[in-house]
Amino acid sequence: MNASGARSLPQLLGDARRWFEDALTQALAEAGAAPVSPTQLGLFAVLDEQGTTVAELARRMGVTRQTAHQAAHGLIGLGLLEQVADPSSARQRLIRRTAEGRRTHQQAELLLARLEHALARRIGADTLTALRTALEADWGPPSPGRPG
């Protein structure tokens, strides 16, 4: 909290992200999907259809390679992802969705759309549109300590 007792914007954004993660995890469980962690959900969200290297997944997720590797292999163990040779590099392997993983991903996208509609009902469609607009805007590079 800041001096006025209000929570900081990063705290609020983190809470909003956790709201979606918790709701999606619960909805997937109710639909009979295998239990996954928030990190695994994040990996699934940044994965390209043709496959993505673990290093690239880690970069997109903002986590270490080890964290991305553990998340990927957990999902491989659940049968949602597979590891295949990268046709452009003999040394690299790609992580991609299996048929079950594609089905689960489509299910998650539908559930996220429903969650977004529920959020619009709770906070108002105009507020949700304004929030989306603000988050999609180009904020420019971070410049700590130099406002403006």
Protein backbone atom coordinates (compact mmCIF):
# COMPACT_ATOMS: atom_id res chain seq x y z
CA MET A 1 0.00 0.00 0.00
CA ASN A 2 1.12 3.52 -0.61
CA ALA A 3 1.06 6.43 1.85
CA SER A 4 -2.66 7.04 1.29
CA GLY A 5 -3.47 3.41 2.06
CA ALA A 6 -4.40 2.64 -1.55
CA ARG A 7 -2.90 -0.43 -3.17
CA SER A 8 -0.41 0.13 -5.98
CA LEU A 9 -1.31 -0.42 -9.61
CA PRO A 10 1.05 -3.44 -9.90
CA GLN A 11 -0.74 -5.02 -6.92
CA LEU A 12 -4.13 -4.40 -8.51
CA LEU A 13 -2.99 -5.78 -11.88
CA GLY A 14 -1.60 -8.86 -10.12
CA ASP A 15 -4.91 -9.42 -8.34
CA ALA A 16 -6.77 -9.09 -11.65
CA ARG A 17 -4.47 -11.64 -13.27
CA ARG A 18 -4.96 -14.04 -10.37
CA TRP A 19 -8.76 -13.59 -10.65
CA PHE A 20 -8.63 -14.82 -14.25
CA GLU A 21 -6.16 -17.62 -13.45
CA ASP A 22 -8.21 -18.86 -10.50
CA ALA A 23 -11.50 -18.66 -12.40
CA LEU A 24 -10.04 -20.40 -15.45
CA THR A 25 -8.41 -23.13 -13.35
CA GLN A 26 -11.69 -23.74 -11.53
CA ALA A 27 -13.73 -23.75 -14.76
CA LEU A 28 -11.31 -26.19 -16.43
CA ALA A 29 -11.46 -28.49 -13.40
CA GLU A 30 -15.27 -28.39 -13.44
CA ALA A 31 -15.15 -29.29 -17.15
CA GLY A 32 -13.03 -32.35 -16.34
CA ALA A 33 -9.69 -31.05 -17.65
CA ALA A 34 -6.43 -32.10 -16.02
CA PRO A 35 -5.34 -29.79 -13.19
CA VAL A 36 -2.72 -27.24 -14.28
CA SER A 37 -0.76 -24.53 -12.49
CA PRO A 38 -0.88 -20.80 -13.29
CA THR A 39 2.61 -21.13 -14.81
CA GLN A 40 1.38 -23.93 -17.06
CA LEU A 41 -1.61 -21.79 -18.08
CA GLY A 42 0.80 -18.99 -18.95
CA LEU A 43 2.94 -21.32 -21.05
CA PHE A 44 -0.10 -22.58 -22.93
CA ALA A 45 -1.09 -18.97 -23.70
CA VAL A 46 2.23 -18.03 -25.35
CA LEU A 47 2.77 -21.25 -27.31
CA ASP A 48 2.78 -20.99 -31.12
CA GLU A 49 0.72 -23.49 -33.11
CA GLN A 50 3.79 -24.82 -34.95
CA GLY A 51 5.73 -25.14 -31.69
CA THR A 52 8.06 -23.00 -29.64
CA THR A 53 11.46 -23.59 -28.03
CA VAL A 54 11.71 -23.63 -24.25
CA ALA A 55 14.05 -20.63 -24.39
CA GLU A 56 11.47 -18.61 -26.33
CA LEU A 57 8.68 -19.72 -24.01
CA ALA A 58 10.74 -18.55 -21.02
CA ARG A 59 11.36 -15.17 -22.68
CA ARG A 60 7.67 -14.67 -23.50
CA MET A 61 6.59 -15.68 -20.00
CA GLY A 62 9.26 -13.64 -18.25
CA VAL A 63 10.54 -16.67 -16.33
CA THR A 64 13.74 -18.72 -16.24
CA ARG A 65 14.37 -21.50 -18.74
CA GLN A 66 14.19 -23.96 -15.87
CA THR A 67 10.70 -22.74 -14.90
CA ALA A 68 9.50 -22.93 -18.52
CA HIS A 69 11.09 -26.37 -18.90
CA GLN A 70 9.37 -27.68 -15.74
CA ALA A 71 6.00 -26.26 -16.84
CA ALA A 72 6.37 -27.74 -20.33
CA HIS A 73 7.34 -31.17 -19.06
CA GLY A 74 4.46 -31.17 -16.60
CA LEU A 75 2.11 -30.55 -19.53
CA ILE A 76 3.90 -33.20 -21.60
CA GLY A 77 3.27 -35.62 -18.74
CA LEU A 78 -0.43 -34.75 -18.88
CA GLY A 79 -0.50 -35.49 -22.62
CA LEU A 80 -1.31 -31.86 -23.51
CA LEU A 81 2.06 -31.04 -25.11
CA GLU A 82 4.73 -32.92 -26.98
CA GLN A 83 8.37 -32.27 -27.78
CA VAL A 84 9.48 -32.61 -31.40
CA ALA A 85 12.57 -31.90 -33.47
CA ASP A 86 12.89 -28.33 -34.76
CA PRO A 87 13.06 -28.54 -38.57
CA SER A 88 15.18 -25.38 -38.67
CA SER A 89 17.81 -26.52 -36.15
CA ALA A 90 19.19 -29.98 -35.45
CA ARG A 91 20.09 -28.92 -31.90
CA GLN A 92 16.74 -27.50 -30.81
CA ARG A 93 13.43 -29.08 -29.88
CA LEU A 94 10.00 -27.53 -30.15
CA ILE A 95 7.18 -27.75 -27.66
CA ARG A 96 3.75 -27.97 -29.27
CA ARG A 97 0.20 -28.95 -28.40
CA THR A 98 -1.03 -32.50 -28.88
CA ALA A 99 -4.54 -33.10 -30.22
CA GLU A 100 -5.77 -33.19 -26.60
CA GLY A 101 -3.80 -30.01 -25.90
CA ARG A 102 -5.46 -28.24 -28.85
CA ARG A 103 -8.87 -29.32 -27.57
CA THR A 104 -8.05 -28.09 -24.07
CA HIS A 105 -6.69 -24.81 -25.45
CA GLN A 106 -9.91 -24.21 -27.41
CA GLN A 107 -11.92 -25.00 -24.30
CA ALA A 108 -9.81 -22.54 -22.27
CA GLU A 109 -10.33 -19.80 -24.88
CA LEU A 110 -14.11 -20.30 -24.68
CA LEU A 111 -13.99 -20.21 -20.90
CA LEU A 112 -11.91 -17.01 -20.95
CA ALA A 113 -14.47 -15.37 -23.23
CA ARG A 114 -17.20 -16.34 -20.76
CA LEU A 115 -15.15 -14.95 -17.87
CA GLU A 116 -14.69 -11.69 -19.75
CA HIS A 117 -18.46 -11.46 -20.30
CA ALA A 118 -19.02 -12.13 -16.60
CA LEU A 119 -16.55 -9.40 -15.74
CA ALA A 120 -18.37 -6.99 -18.08
CA ARG A 121 -21.60 -7.70 -16.21
CA ARG A 122 -19.87 -7.07 -12.88
CA ILE A 123 -17.90 -3.89 -13.64
CA GLY A 124 -19.80 -2.63 -16.70
CA ALA A 125 -19.10 -3.04 -20.41
CA ASP A 126 -17.79 0.54 -20.74
CA THR A 127 -15.34 0.02 -17.87
CA LEU A 128 -14.14 -3.25 -19.37
CA THR A 129 -13.67 -1.57 -22.77
CA ALA A 130 -11.70 1.27 -21.13
CA LEU A 131 -9.56 -1.24 -19.24
CA ARG A 132 -8.83 -3.21 -22.41
CA THR A 133 -8.00 0.01 -24.30
CA ALA A 134 -5.58 1.12 -21.57
CA LEU A 135 -3.86 -2.27 -21.43
CA GLU A 136 -3.54 -2.50 -25.22
CA ALA A 137 -2.03 1.00 -25.51
CA ASP A 138 1.70 1.38 -26.18
CA TRP A 139 3.10 2.45 -22.81
CA GLY A 140 6.57 3.03 -24.27
CA PRO A 141 9.75 1.76 -22.65
CA PRO A 142 9.92 1.71 -18.86
CA SER A 143 11.88 4.60 -17.40
CA PRO A 144 12.10 4.12 -13.62
CA GLY A 145 12.59 7.30 -11.69
CA ARG A 146 11.78 9.57 -14.62
CA PRO A 147 8.04 10.18 -14.86
CA GLY A 148 6.58 11.33 -18.13
